[in-house]
């Protein structure tokens, strides 16, 4: 509900990446001359909603080994090859993008599409 209150109408964003960027969950870019440099998250937008998404992702990362769904397998693979904090922010980013898709299209959560 805090996400819906913060975002409002999801149609104002053209994509899930734009919504995640407005929440500060995408990497800051400092690119020049065709060389892309992705830095840490931008931390722009609503800090409370961003912290809720990150804490939810941290809880999912902790409980993922007990589950066998595609999203849990994805986060386990990601956390095995990157730092746990990076994996948490990636999961929060994915959650924000899924929330955008559900708000934009007026659908419910579809687990089969979550890890795609």
C-alpha atoms as a PDB file:
ATOM      1  CA  UNK A   1       0.000   0.000   0.000  1.00  0.00           C
ATOM      2  CA  UNK A   2       2.888   2.394   0.637  1.00  0.00           C
ATOM      3  CA  UNK A   3       4.139   1.729  -2.877  1.00  0.00           C
ATOM      4  CA  UNK A   4       0.746   2.493  -4.390  1.00  0.00           C
ATOM      5  CA  UNK A   5       0.499   5.676  -2.326  1.00  0.00           C
ATOM      6  CA  UNK A   6       3.982   6.759  -3.400  1.00  0.00           C
ATOM      7  CA  UNK A   7       3.653   5.834  -7.067  1.00  0.00           C
ATOM      8  CA  UNK A   8       0.021   6.675  -7.608  1.00  0.00           C
ATOM      9  CA  UNK A   9      -0.911   5.948 -11.193  1.00  0.00           C
ATOM     10  CA  UNK A  10       1.608   3.563 -12.752  1.00  0.00           C
ATOM     11  CA  UNK A  11       0.746   4.788 -16.234  1.00  0.00           C
ATOM     12  CA  UNK A  12       2.913   7.847 -15.633  1.00  0.00           C
ATOM     13  CA  UNK A  13       5.940   5.586 -16.108  1.00  0.00           C
ATOM     14  CA  UNK A  14       6.704   4.172 -19.551  1.00  0.00           C
ATOM     15  CA  UNK A  15       8.438   1.114 -18.118  1.00  0.00           C
ATOM     16  CA  UNK A  16       9.199  -0.701 -14.901  1.00  0.00           C
ATOM     17  CA  UNK A  17      12.776   0.554 -15.094  1.00  0.00           C
ATOM     18  CA  UNK A  18      11.547   4.153 -14.965  1.00  0.00           C
ATOM     19  CA  UNK A  19       9.502   3.398 -11.854  1.00  0.00           C
ATOM     20  CA  UNK A  20      12.416   1.579 -10.210  1.00  0.00           C
ATOM     21  CA  UNK A  21      14.676   4.502 -11.101  1.00  0.00           C
ATOM     22  CA  UNK A  22      12.231   6.960  -9.535  1.00  0.00           C
ATOM     23  CA  UNK A  23      12.451   4.901  -6.331  1.00  0.00           C
ATOM     24  CA  UNK A  24      16.266   4.942  -6.473  1.00  0.00           C
ATOM     25  CA  UNK A  25      16.711   1.214  -7.129  1.00  0.00           C
ATOM     26  CA  UNK A  26      18.619   1.322 -10.423  1.00  0.00           C
ATOM     27  CA  UNK A  27      22.344   1.946 -10.884  1.00  0.00           C
ATOM     28  CA  UNK A  28      23.508   5.498 -11.396  1.00  0.00           C
ATOM     29  CA  UNK A  29      25.117   5.895 -14.794  1.00  0.00           C
ATOM     30  CA  UNK A  30      28.205   7.914 -15.576  1.00  0.00           C
ATOM     31  CA  UNK A  31      28.741   7.104 -19.226  1.00  0.00           C
ATOM     32  CA  UNK A  32      30.796   8.858 -21.843  1.00  0.00           C
ATOM     33  CA  UNK A  33      32.239   8.023 -25.229  1.00  0.00           C
ATOM     34  CA  UNK A  34      30.346   4.760 -25.579  1.00  0.00           C
ATOM     35  CA  UNK A  35      31.751   3.405 -22.311  1.00  0.00           C
ATOM     36  CA  UNK A  36      29.031   2.573 -19.809  1.00  0.00           C
ATOM     37  CA  UNK A  37      29.874   2.957 -16.135  1.00  0.00           C
ATOM     38  CA  UNK A  38      27.237   1.722 -13.731  1.00  0.00           C
ATOM     39  CA  UNK A  39      27.708   2.914 -10.174  1.00  0.00           C
ATOM     40  CA  UNK A  40      25.742   2.119  -7.012  1.00  0.00           C
ATOM     41  CA  UNK A  41      22.024   2.769  -6.632  1.00  0.00           C
ATOM     42  CA  UNK A  42      21.032   6.389  -7.006  1.00  0.00           C
ATOM     43  CA  UNK A  43      19.071   6.637  -3.708  1.00  0.00           C
ATOM     44  CA  UNK A  44      16.689   9.160  -5.217  1.00  0.00           C
ATOM     45  CA  UNK A  45      12.985   9.001  -4.575  1.00  0.00           C
ATOM     46  CA  UNK A  46      11.104   7.883  -1.509  1.00  0.00           C
ATOM     47  CA  UNK A  47      13.580   6.464   1.022  1.00  0.00           C
ATOM     48  CA  UNK A  48      10.832   4.779   3.057  1.00  0.00           C
ATOM     49  CA  UNK A  49       9.406   2.810   0.122  1.00  0.00           C
ATOM     50  CA  UNK A  50      12.914   1.909  -1.035  1.00  0.00           C
ATOM     51  CA  UNK A  51      13.797   0.621   2.434  1.00  0.00           C
ATOM     52  CA  UNK A  52      10.574  -1.428   2.560  1.00  0.00           C
ATOM     53  CA  UNK A  53      11.422  -3.033  -0.780  1.00  0.00           C
ATOM     54  CA  UNK A  54      15.019  -3.757   0.281  1.00  0.00           C
ATOM     55  CA  UNK A  55      13.965  -5.222   3.636  1.00  0.00           C
ATOM     56  CA  UNK A  56      11.374  -7.390   1.902  1.00  0.00           C
ATOM     57  CA  UNK A  57      14.050  -8.571  -0.522  1.00  0.00           C
ATOM     58  CA  UNK A  58      16.379  -9.318   2.390  1.00  0.00           C
ATOM     59  CA  UNK A  59      13.675 -11.461   4.001  1.00  0.00           C
ATOM     60  CA  UNK A  60      13.136 -13.292   0.732  1.00  0.00           C
ATOM     61  CA  UNK A  61      16.867 -13.911   0.373  1.00  0.00           C
ATOM     62  CA  UNK A  62      16.915 -15.404   3.868  1.00  0.00           C
ATOM     63  CA  UNK A  63      13.968 -17.732   3.250  1.00  0.00           C
ATOM     64  CA  UNK A  64      14.661 -18.601  -0.406  1.00  0.00           C
ATOM     65  CA  UNK A  65      16.620 -21.827   0.285  1.00  0.00           C
ATOM     66  CA  UNK A  66      13.444 -23.363   1.749  1.00  0.00           C
ATOM     67  CA  UNK A  67      11.424 -22.733  -1.416  1.00  0.00           C
ATOM     68  CA  UNK A  68      11.597 -24.231  -4.879  1.00  0.00           C
ATOM     69  CA  UNK A  69       9.849 -21.634  -7.040  1.00  0.00           C
ATOM     70  CA  UNK A  70      11.590 -19.944  -9.965  1.00  0.00           C
ATOM     71  CA  UNK A  71      12.047 -16.607  -8.208  1.00  0.00           C
ATOM     72  CA  UNK A  72      13.690 -18.245  -5.187  1.00  0.00           C
ATOM     73  CA  UNK A  73      16.029 -20.201  -7.451  1.00  0.00           C
ATOM     74  CA  UNK A  74      16.901 -16.970  -9.295  1.00  0.00           C
ATOM     75  CA  UNK A  75      17.795 -15.078  -6.107  1.00  0.00           C
ATOM     76  CA  UNK A  76      19.838 -18.011  -4.771  1.00  0.00           C
ATOM     77  CA  UNK A  77      21.865 -18.160  -8.002  1.00  0.00           C
ATOM     78  CA  UNK A  78      22.364 -14.408  -7.946  1.00  0.00           C
ATOM     79  CA  UNK A  79      23.457 -14.314  -4.306  1.00  0.00           C
ATOM     80  CA  UNK A  80      25.938 -17.140  -4.899  1.00  0.00           C
ATOM     81  CA  UNK A  81      27.875 -15.037  -7.422  1.00  0.00           C
ATOM     82  CA  UNK A  82      27.462 -11.544  -5.937  1.00  0.00           C
ATOM     83  CA  UNK A  83      27.439  -9.804  -2.569  1.00  0.00           C
ATOM     84  CA  UNK A  84      24.241 -10.382  -0.537  1.00  0.00           C
ATOM     85  CA  UNK A  85      23.505  -6.645  -0.439  1.00  0.00           C
ATOM     86  CA  UNK A  86      23.749  -6.455  -4.229  1.00  0.00           C
ATOM     87  CA  UNK A  87      21.389  -9.418  -4.504  1.00  0.00           C
ATOM     88  CA  UNK A  88      18.929  -7.731  -2.118  1.00  0.00           C
ATOM     89  CA  UNK A  89      18.850  -4.534  -4.153  1.00  0.00           C
ATOM     90  CA  UNK A  90      18.459  -6.560  -7.363  1.00  0.00           C
ATOM     91  CA  UNK A  91      15.485  -8.357  -5.815  1.00  0.00           C
ATOM     92  CA  UNK A  92      13.997  -5.042  -4.656  1.00  0.00           C
ATOM     93  CA  UNK A  93      14.445  -3.705  -8.197  1.00  0.00           C
ATOM     94  CA  UNK A  94      12.709  -6.785  -9.630  1.00  0.00           C
ATOM     95  CA  UNK A  95       9.889  -6.398  -7.089  1.00  0.00           C
ATOM     96  CA  UNK A  96       9.371  -2.759  -8.080  1.00  0.00           C
ATOM     97  CA  UNK A  97       9.237  -3.729 -11.750  1.00  0.00           C
ATOM     98  CA  UNK A  98       6.735  -6.505 -11.033  1.00  0.00           C
ATOM     99  CA  UNK A  99       4.632  -4.029  -9.025  1.00  0.00           C
ATOM    100  CA  UNK A 100       4.706  -1.620 -11.976  1.00  0.00           C
ATOM    101  CA  UNK A 101       3.488  -4.359 -14.322  1.00  0.00           C
ATOM    102  CA  UNK A 102       0.672  -5.350 -11.970  1.00  0.00           C
ATOM    103  CA  UNK A 103      -0.424  -1.736 -11.436  1.00  0.00           C
ATOM    104  CA  UNK A 104      -0.093  -0.834 -15.106  1.00  0.00           C
ATOM    105  CA  UNK A 105      -2.034  -3.805 -16.451  1.00  0.00           C
ATOM    106  CA  UNK A 106      -4.398  -4.300 -13.508  1.00  0.00           C
ATOM    107  CA  UNK A 107      -3.395  -7.927 -12.968  1.00  0.00           C
ATOM    108  CA  UNK A 108      -2.588 -10.042  -9.954  1.00  0.00           C
ATOM    109  CA  UNK A 109       0.786 -11.558  -9.103  1.00  0.00           C
ATOM    110  CA  UNK A 110       1.669 -14.395 -11.483  1.00  0.00           C
ATOM    111  CA  UNK A 111       4.493 -16.548 -10.054  1.00  0.00           C
ATOM    112  CA  UNK A 112       5.178 -18.204 -13.406  1.00  0.00           C
ATOM    113  CA  UNK A 113       6.187 -14.837 -14.890  1.00  0.00           C
ATOM    114  CA  UNK A 114       8.143 -13.580 -11.883  1.00  0.00           C
ATOM    115  CA  UNK A 115      11.555 -15.057 -12.722  1.00  0.00           C
ATOM    116  CA  UNK A 116      11.347 -14.436 -16.457  1.00  0.00           C
END
